[in-house]
Amino acid sequence: MSNTVVLDVDGTLVDTNYHHTVAWLRAFREVDVTVPAWRVHRAIGMGGDKLVAAVAGDKVEQDHGDEVRAAWERHFDTMLDEIQPLEGAHRLVRAATDMGLAVVLASSGKSKHVEHYLKLLDPGDVAWTTSDDVDDSKPAPDLIEVALREVKGDRAVAVGDSVWDCEAAARVGLPSIGLLTGGFAENELVDRGASAVYANLDTLRAELADLPFAEVSDPNA
């Protein structure tokens, strides 16, 4: 029986959550909308197709949604060279593959950004998918469903740093593991479905063999 680890990327393997927050703040200000930074941070991890309305309301989404998303991308691109992997990211992925686990990187980000992260992470031969591959982003389960189709695992577990990762996993019937690396609190991640929460990637790596894998009914459907 083969096991799959579905790994979130932003905030989980690469330290991007606060860069995303700043990029969104700048994007909102371009359309004369001011929102508090904490509210933006709390939405990081959900897809950009949902974030504008979640942070600033349906009217802003209706009037400026695409404009804000384009501005976010432009501002985030300027910070891309500042992005660094989180401590232990490379070790975690390589340890998982060395154990024979199938690893799929499932990111709500854009393909061009994930391609940049892959160069930083040097994860080896792993599958990956992004928001460009789905119609509906986290907390919808689409991204995880697409990720599971990339491999042939019988069982899987999802790993992420945000409540949106935990919600997406729950919607597809998978257990989730939370990380504190994105700025969400342990109790928040547990309340949204995380089976366990780790402070860092090296601690998680030490317990890979004990992850709560659950059966995937039809991963290649």
C-alpha atoms as a PDB file:
ATOM      1  CA  MET A   1       0.000   0.000   0.000  1.00  0.00           C
ATOM      2  CA  SER A   2       1.488   3.357  -1.072  1.00  0.00           C
ATOM      3  CA  ASN A   3       1.175   6.613   0.826  1.00  0.00           C
ATOM      4  CA  THR A   4       1.047  10.171  -0.508  1.00  0.00           C
ATOM      5  CA  VAL A   5       1.928  13.448   1.199  1.00  0.00           C
ATOM      6  CA  VAL A   6       0.174  16.451  -0.337  1.00  0.00           C
ATOM      7  CA  LEU A   7       2.328  19.429   0.622  1.00  0.00           C
ATOM      8  CA  ASP A   8       1.242  23.038   0.494  1.00  0.00           C
ATOM      9  CA  VAL A   9       4.025  25.363  -0.674  1.00  0.00           C
ATOM     10  CA  ASP A  10       3.540  29.033   0.287  1.00  0.00           C
ATOM     11  CA  GLY A  11       4.006  29.425   4.024  1.00  0.00           C
ATOM     12  CA  THR A  12       4.744  25.709   4.371  1.00  0.00           C
ATOM     13  CA  LEU A  13       7.915  25.162   2.348  1.00  0.00           C
ATOM     14  CA  VAL A  14       8.778  28.753   1.391  1.00  0.00           C
ATOM     15  CA  ASP A  15       8.544  31.818   3.621  1.00  0.00           C
ATOM     16  CA  THR A  16       6.152  33.943   1.552  1.00  0.00           C
ATOM     17  CA  ASN A  17       3.079  34.756   3.637  1.00  0.00           C
ATOM     18  CA  TYR A  18       4.172  38.218   4.681  1.00  0.00           C
ATOM     19  CA  HIS A  19       5.428  39.059   1.203  1.00  0.00           C
ATOM     20  CA  HIS A  20       1.974  38.129  -0.065  1.00  0.00           C
ATOM     21  CA  THR A  21       0.393  40.325   2.593  1.00  0.00           C
ATOM     22  CA  VAL A  22       2.429  43.362   1.563  1.00  0.00           C
ATOM     23  CA  ALA A  23       1.745  42.736  -2.138  1.00  0.00           C
ATOM     24  CA  TRP A  24      -2.016  42.562  -1.524  1.00  0.00           C
ATOM     25  CA  LEU A  25      -1.972  45.712   0.612  1.00  0.00           C
ATOM     26  CA  ARG A  26      -0.212  47.616  -2.157  1.00  0.00           C
ATOM     27  CA  ALA A  27      -2.638  46.210  -4.711  1.00  0.00           C
ATOM     28  CA  PHE A  28      -5.683  47.361  -2.739  1.00  0.00           C
ATOM     29  CA  ARG A  29      -4.233  50.819  -2.321  1.00  0.00           C
ATOM     30  CA  GLU A  30      -3.900  51.141  -6.092  1.00  0.00           C
ATOM     31  CA  VAL A  31      -7.709  51.170  -6.267  1.00  0.00           C
ATOM     32  CA  ASP A  32      -7.979  53.450  -3.217  1.00  0.00           C
ATOM     33  CA  VAL A  33      -9.061  50.654  -0.889  1.00  0.00           C
ATOM     34  CA  THR A  34      -7.399  50.479   2.507  1.00  0.00           C
ATOM     35  CA  VAL A  35      -7.677  47.285   4.507  1.00  0.00           C
ATOM     36  CA  PRO A  36      -5.832  46.339   7.712  1.00  0.00           C
ATOM     37  CA  ALA A  37      -2.784  44.146   7.270  1.00  0.00           C
ATOM     38  CA  TRP A  38      -4.024  41.613   9.816  1.00  0.00           C
ATOM     39  CA  ARG A  39      -7.147  40.972   7.762  1.00  0.00           C
ATOM     40  CA  VAL A  40      -5.081  40.316   4.644  1.00  0.00           C
ATOM     41  CA  HIS A  41      -2.749  37.995   6.515  1.00  0.00           C
ATOM     42  CA  ARG A  42      -5.702  36.025   7.861  1.00  0.00           C
ATOM     43  CA  ALA A  43      -6.791  35.351   4.267  1.00  0.00           C
ATOM     44  CA  ILE A  44      -3.396  34.239   2.952  1.00  0.00           C
ATOM     45  CA  GLY A  45      -3.632  30.628   1.858  1.00  0.00           C
ATOM     46  CA  MET A  46      -6.947  30.950   0.088  1.00  0.00           C
ATOM     47  CA  GLY A  47      -6.826  31.584  -3.631  1.00  0.00           C
ATOM     48  CA  GLY A  48      -6.729  35.065  -5.083  1.00  0.00           C
ATOM     49  CA  ASP A  49     -10.102  34.428  -6.714  1.00  0.00           C
ATOM     50  CA  LYS A  50     -11.620  34.439  -3.219  1.00  0.00           C
ATOM     51  CA  LEU A  51      -9.300  36.737  -1.281  1.00  0.00           C
ATOM     52  CA  VAL A  52     -10.466  40.118  -2.585  1.00  0.00           C
ATOM     53  CA  ALA A  53     -14.071  39.600  -1.521  1.00  0.00           C
ATOM     54  CA  ALA A  54     -13.043  37.934   1.743  1.00  0.00           C
ATOM     55  CA  VAL A  55     -10.857  40.877   2.709  1.00  0.00           C
ATOM     56  CA  ALA A  56     -12.596  43.893   1.205  1.00  0.00           C
ATOM     57  CA  GLY A  57     -16.150  42.781   0.400  1.00  0.00           C
ATOM     58  CA  ASP A  58     -18.196  41.785  -2.604  1.00  0.00           C
ATOM     59  CA  LYS A  59     -18.448  45.342  -3.952  1.00  0.00           C
ATOM     60  CA  VAL A  60     -14.667  45.691  -4.237  1.00  0.00           C
ATOM     61  CA  GLU A  61     -14.496  42.293  -5.908  1.00  0.00           C
ATOM     62  CA  GLN A  62     -17.192  43.303  -8.365  1.00  0.00           C
ATOM     63  CA  ASP A  63     -15.658  46.683  -9.186  1.00  0.00           C
ATOM     64  CA  HIS A  64     -11.930  45.970  -8.946  1.00  0.00           C
ATOM     65  CA  GLY A  65     -11.289  42.235  -8.437  1.00  0.00           C
ATOM     66  CA  ASP A  66      -9.284  41.544 -11.580  1.00  0.00           C
ATOM     67  CA  GLU A  67      -7.438  44.848 -11.276  1.00  0.00           C
ATOM     68  CA  VAL A  68      -6.409  44.092  -7.703  1.00  0.00           C
ATOM     69  CA  ARG A  69      -5.247  40.578  -8.609  1.00  0.00           C
ATOM     70  CA  ALA A  70      -3.153  41.923 -11.476  1.00  0.00           C
ATOM     71  CA  ALA A  71      -1.594  44.522  -9.175  1.00  0.00           C
ATOM     72  CA  TRP A  72      -0.895  41.864  -6.513  1.00  0.00           C
ATOM     73  CA  GLU A  73       0.949  39.763  -9.084  1.00  0.00           C
ATOM     74  CA  ARG A  74       2.992  42.743 -10.226  1.00  0.00           C
ATOM     75  CA  HIS A  75       3.968  43.719  -6.667  1.00  0.00           C
ATOM     76  CA  PHE A  76       4.710  40.148  -5.604  1.00  0.00           C
ATOM     77  CA  ASP A  77       6.907  39.597  -8.649  1.00  0.00           C
ATOM     78  CA  THR A  78       9.164  42.430  -7.477  1.00  0.00           C
ATOM     79  CA  MET A  79       9.760  40.567  -4.198  1.00  0.00           C
ATOM     80  CA  LEU A  80      10.316  37.125  -5.677  1.00  0.00           C
ATOM     81  CA  ASP A  81      14.096  37.289  -5.358  1.00  0.00           C
ATOM     82  CA  GLU A  82      13.697  37.903  -1.605  1.00  0.00           C
ATOM     83  CA  ILE A  83      11.883  34.598  -1.037  1.00  0.00           C
ATOM     84  CA  GLN A  84      13.729  31.919   0.915  1.00  0.00           C
ATOM     85  CA  PRO A  85      12.849  28.310   1.723  1.00  0.00           C
ATOM     86  CA  LEU A  86      11.779  27.685   5.278  1.00  0.00           C
ATOM     87  CA  GLU A  87      14.339  25.883   7.388  1.00  0.00           C
ATOM     88  CA  GLY A  88      14.128  22.150   6.801  1.00  0.00           C
ATOM     89  CA  ALA A  89      12.039  22.293   3.616  1.00  0.00           C
ATOM     90  CA  HIS A  90      14.545  20.465   1.428  1.00  0.00           C
ATOM     91  CA  ARG A  91      15.252  17.916   4.158  1.00  0.00           C
ATOM     92  CA  LEU A  92      11.542  17.204   4.664  1.00  0.00           C
ATOM     93  CA  VAL A  93      10.778  16.549   1.008  1.00  0.00           C
ATOM     94  CA  ARG A  94      13.871  14.438   0.456  1.00  0.00           C
ATOM     95  CA  ALA A  95      13.233  12.440   3.631  1.00  0.00           C
ATOM     96  CA  ALA A  96       9.678  11.731   2.500  1.00  0.00           C
ATOM     97  CA  THR A  97      10.773  10.497  -0.913  1.00  0.00           C
ATOM     98  CA  ASP A  98      13.610   8.465   0.608  1.00  0.00           C
ATOM     99  CA  MET A  99      10.987   6.699   2.750  1.00  0.00           C
ATOM    100  CA  GLY A 100       9.101   5.766  -0.399  1.00  0.00           C
ATOM    101  CA  LEU A 101       6.301   8.270   0.118  1.00  0.00           C
ATOM    102  CA  ALA A 102       4.829   9.910  -2.952  1.00  0.00           C
ATOM    103  CA  VAL A 103       5.087  13.708  -2.617  1.00  0.00           C
ATOM    104  CA  VAL A 104       2.849  16.177  -4.425  1.00  0.00           C
ATOM    105  CA  LEU A 105       3.314  19.923  -4.018  1.00  0.00           C
ATOM    106  CA  ALA A 106      -0.101  21.591  -4.160  1.00  0.00           C
ATOM    107  CA  SER A 107       0.066  25.373  -4.305  1.00  0.00           C
ATOM    108  CA  SER A 108      -2.641  28.027  -4.557  1.00  0.00           C
ATOM    109  CA  GLY A 109      -0.002  30.174  -6.248  1.00  0.00           C
ATOM    110  CA  LYS A 110       0.769  30.668  -9.904  1.00  0.00           C
ATOM    111  CA  SER A 111       2.864  28.223 -11.906  1.00  0.00           C
ATOM    112  CA  LYS A 112       5.629  30.757 -12.580  1.00  0.00           C
ATOM    113  CA  HIS A 113       6.032  31.344  -8.850  1.00  0.00           C
ATOM    114  CA  VAL A 114       6.074  27.635  -7.998  1.00  0.00           C
ATOM    115  CA  GLU A 115       8.668  27.024 -10.709  1.00  0.00           C
ATOM    116  CA  HIS A 116      10.864  29.610  -8.966  1.00  0.00           C
ATOM    117  CA  TYR A 117      10.306  27.917  -5.597  1.00  0.00           C
ATOM    118  CA  LEU A 118      11.274  24.542  -7.025  1.00  0.00           C
ATOM    119  CA  LYS A 119      14.669  25.946  -7.949  1.00  0.00           C
ATOM    120  CA  LEU A 120      15.095  27.098  -4.345  1.00  0.00           C
ATOM    121  CA  LEU A 121      13.844  23.884  -2.783  1.00  0.00           C
ATOM    122  CA  ASP A 122      15.595  21.329  -5.024  1.00  0.00           C
ATOM    123  CA  PRO A 123      12.937  18.760  -4.057  1.00  0.00           C
ATOM    124  CA  GLY A 124      13.960  16.086  -6.523  1.00  0.00           C
ATOM    125  CA  ASP A 125      11.482  14.293  -8.740  1.00  0.00           C
ATOM    126  CA  VAL A 126       8.125  15.225  -7.211  1.00  0.00           C
ATOM    127  CA  ALA A 127       4.757  16.018  -8.761  1.00  0.00           C
ATOM    128  CA  TRP A 128       3.267  19.482  -8.383  1.00  0.00           C
ATOM    129  CA  THR A 129       0.134  21.409  -9.202  1.00  0.00           C
ATOM    130  CA  THR A 130      -0.990  25.035  -8.887  1.00  0.00           C
ATOM    131  CA  SER A 131      -4.019  27.291  -9.019  1.00  0.00           C
ATOM    132  CA  ASP A 132      -3.562  27.392 -12.795  1.00  0.00           C
ATOM    133  CA  ASP A 133      -4.780  23.774 -12.883  1.00  0.00           C
ATOM    134  CA  VAL A 134      -8.137  24.305 -11.142  1.00  0.00           C
ATOM    135  CA  ASP A 135     -11.269  26.409 -11.436  1.00  0.00           C
ATOM    136  CA  ASP A 136     -11.847  26.821  -7.705  1.00  0.00           C
ATOM    137  CA  SER A 137      -9.060  27.468  -5.192  1.00  0.00           C
ATOM    138  CA  LYS A 138      -8.630  26.716  -1.479  1.00  0.00           C
ATOM    139  CA  PRO A 139     -10.545  26.239   0.723  1.00  0.00           C
ATOM    140  CA  ALA A 140     -12.335  24.357  -2.076  1.00  0.00           C
ATOM    141  CA  PRO A 141     -10.908  20.830  -2.403  1.00  0.00           C
ATOM    142  CA  ASP A 142     -10.169  21.051  -6.146  1.00  0.00           C
ATOM    143  CA  LEU A 143      -6.413  21.573  -5.782  1.00  0.00           C
ATOM    144  CA  ILE A 144      -5.988  18.562  -3.516  1.00  0.00           C
ATOM    145  CA  GLU A 145      -8.129  16.440  -5.821  1.00  0.00           C
ATOM    146  CA  VAL A 146      -5.956  17.379  -8.788  1.00  0.00           C
ATOM    147  CA  ALA A 147      -2.815  16.694  -6.720  1.00  0.00           C
ATOM    148  CA  LEU A 148      -4.034  13.204  -5.853  1.00  0.00           C
ATOM    149  CA  ARG A 149      -4.563  12.431  -9.515  1.00  0.00           C
ATOM    150  CA  GLU A 150      -0.869  13.119 -10.096  1.00  0.00           C
ATOM    151  CA  VAL A 151       0.130   9.973  -8.192  1.00  0.00           C
ATOM    152  CA  LYS A 152      -1.182   6.475  -7.557  1.00  0.00           C
ATOM    153  CA  GLY A 153      -1.208   6.414  -3.771  1.00  0.00           C
ATOM    154  CA  ASP A 154      -3.813   4.393  -1.907  1.00  0.00           C
ATOM    155  CA  ARG A 155      -3.650   6.619   1.164  1.00  0.00           C
ATOM    156  CA  ALA A 156      -2.815  10.282   1.692  1.00  0.00           C
ATOM    157  CA  VAL A 157      -2.434  13.112   4.160  1.00  0.00           C
ATOM    158  CA  ALA A 158      -2.314  16.874   3.511  1.00  0.00           C
ATOM    159  CA  VAL A 159       0.229  19.202   5.113  1.00  0.00           C
ATOM    160  CA  GLY A 160      -0.169  22.978   5.246  1.00  0.00           C
ATOM    161  CA  ASP A 161       0.239  26.140   7.265  1.00  0.00           C
ATOM    162  CA  SER A 162      -3.207  27.739   6.995  1.00  0.00           C
ATOM    163  CA  VAL A 163      -6.748  27.037   8.088  1.00  0.00           C
ATOM    164  CA  TRP A 164      -7.642  27.005   4.389  1.00  0.00           C
ATOM    165  CA  ASP A 165      -5.364  24.007   3.837  1.00  0.00           C
ATOM    166  CA  CYS A 166      -7.076  22.156   6.661  1.00  0.00           C
ATOM    167  CA  GLU A 167     -10.525  22.988   5.322  1.00  0.00           C
ATOM    168  CA  ALA A 168      -9.640  21.859   1.803  1.00  0.00           C
ATOM    169  CA  ALA A 169      -8.327  18.538   3.111  1.00  0.00           C
ATOM    170  CA  ALA A 170     -11.444  17.975   5.211  1.00  0.00           C
ATOM    171  CA  ARG A 171     -13.684  18.603   2.207  1.00  0.00           C
ATOM    172  CA  VAL A 172     -11.975  15.838   0.270  1.00  0.00           C
ATOM    173  CA  GLY A 173     -11.989  13.485   3.263  1.00  0.00           C
ATOM    174  CA  LEU A 174      -8.294  13.618   4.097  1.00  0.00           C
ATOM    175  CA  PRO A 175      -6.619  14.215   7.447  1.00  0.00           C
ATOM    176  CA  SER A 176      -4.409  17.281   7.636  1.00  0.00           C
ATOM    177  CA  ILE A 177      -1.251  18.262   9.474  1.00  0.00           C
ATOM    178  CA  GLY A 178      -0.733  21.906  10.413  1.00  0.00           C
ATOM    179  CA  LEU A 179       2.441  23.944  10.667  1.00  0.00           C
ATOM    180  CA  LEU A 180       2.962  27.185  12.569  1.00  0.00           C
ATOM    181  CA  THR A 181       5.209  28.539   9.816  1.00  0.00           C
ATOM    182  CA  GLY A 182       2.463  30.642   8.213  1.00  0.00           C
ATOM    183  CA  GLY A 183       1.392  32.583  11.282  1.00  0.00           C
ATOM    184  CA  PHE A 184      -1.803  30.725  12.220  1.00  0.00           C
ATOM    185  CA  ALA A 185      -2.135  29.558  15.818  1.00  0.00           C
ATOM    186  CA  GLU A 186      -2.181  25.901  16.829  1.00  0.00           C
ATOM    187  CA  ASN A 187      -5.737  26.020  18.162  1.00  0.00           C
ATOM    188  CA  GLU A 188      -6.983  27.613  14.924  1.00  0.00           C
ATOM    189  CA  LEU A 189      -5.478  24.846  12.806  1.00  0.00           C
ATOM    190  CA  VAL A 190      -6.854  22.146  15.098  1.00  0.00           C
ATOM    191  CA  ASP A 191     -10.306  23.750  15.084  1.00  0.00           C
ATOM    192  CA  ARG A 192     -10.315  23.586  11.269  1.00  0.00           C
ATOM    193  CA  GLY A 193      -9.401  19.907  11.250  1.00  0.00           C
ATOM    194  CA  ALA A 194      -5.635  19.473  11.753  1.00  0.00           C
ATOM    195  CA  SER A 195      -4.837  16.126  13.378  1.00  0.00           C
ATOM    196  CA  ALA A 196      -1.549  17.484  14.711  1.00  0.00           C
ATOM    197  CA  VAL A 197       0.388  20.743  14.539  1.00  0.00           C
ATOM    198  CA  TYR A 198       4.170  21.145  14.317  1.00  0.00           C
ATOM    199  CA  ALA A 199       6.276  24.198  15.040  1.00  0.00           C
ATOM    200  CA  ASN A 200       8.715  23.563  12.213  1.00  0.00           C
ATOM    201  CA  LEU A 201       9.537  21.269   9.316  1.00  0.00           C
ATOM    202  CA  ASP A 202      12.376  19.382  10.979  1.00  0.00           C
ATOM    203  CA  THR A 203      10.081  18.309  13.829  1.00  0.00           C
ATOM    204  CA  LEU A 204       7.558  17.093  11.270  1.00  0.00           C
ATOM    205  CA  ARG A 205      10.310  15.264   9.363  1.00  0.00           C
ATOM    206  CA  ALA A 206      11.215  13.304  12.474  1.00  0.00           C
ATOM    207  CA  GLU A 207       7.646  11.954  12.651  1.00  0.00           C
ATOM    208  CA  LEU A 208       6.903  11.260   8.994  1.00  0.00           C
ATOM    209  CA  ALA A 209       6.425   7.570   9.679  1.00  0.00           C
ATOM    210  CA  ASP A 210       3.617   8.342  12.126  1.00  0.00           C
ATOM    211  CA  LEU A 211       1.477  10.569   9.903  1.00  0.00           C
ATOM    212  CA  PRO A 212      -2.243   9.687   9.902  1.00  0.00           C
ATOM    213  CA  PHE A 213      -2.665   8.546   6.295  1.00  0.00           C
ATOM    214  CA  ALA A 214      -6.239   7.882   5.205  1.00  0.00           C
ATOM    215  CA  GLU A 215      -7.562   5.901   2.266  1.00  0.00           C
ATOM    216  CA  VAL A 216      -8.129   7.708  -0.999  1.00  0.00           C
ATOM    217  CA  SER A 217     -11.232   6.253  -2.598  1.00  0.00           C
ATOM    218  CA  ASP A 218     -10.205   6.834  -6.215  1.00  0.00           C
ATOM    219  CA  PRO A 219      -7.100   9.028  -6.563  1.00  0.00           C
ATOM    220  CA  ASN A 220      -6.983   8.765 -10.346  1.00  0.00           C
ATOM    221  CA  ALA A 221     -10.632   9.407 -11.109  1.00  0.00           C
END
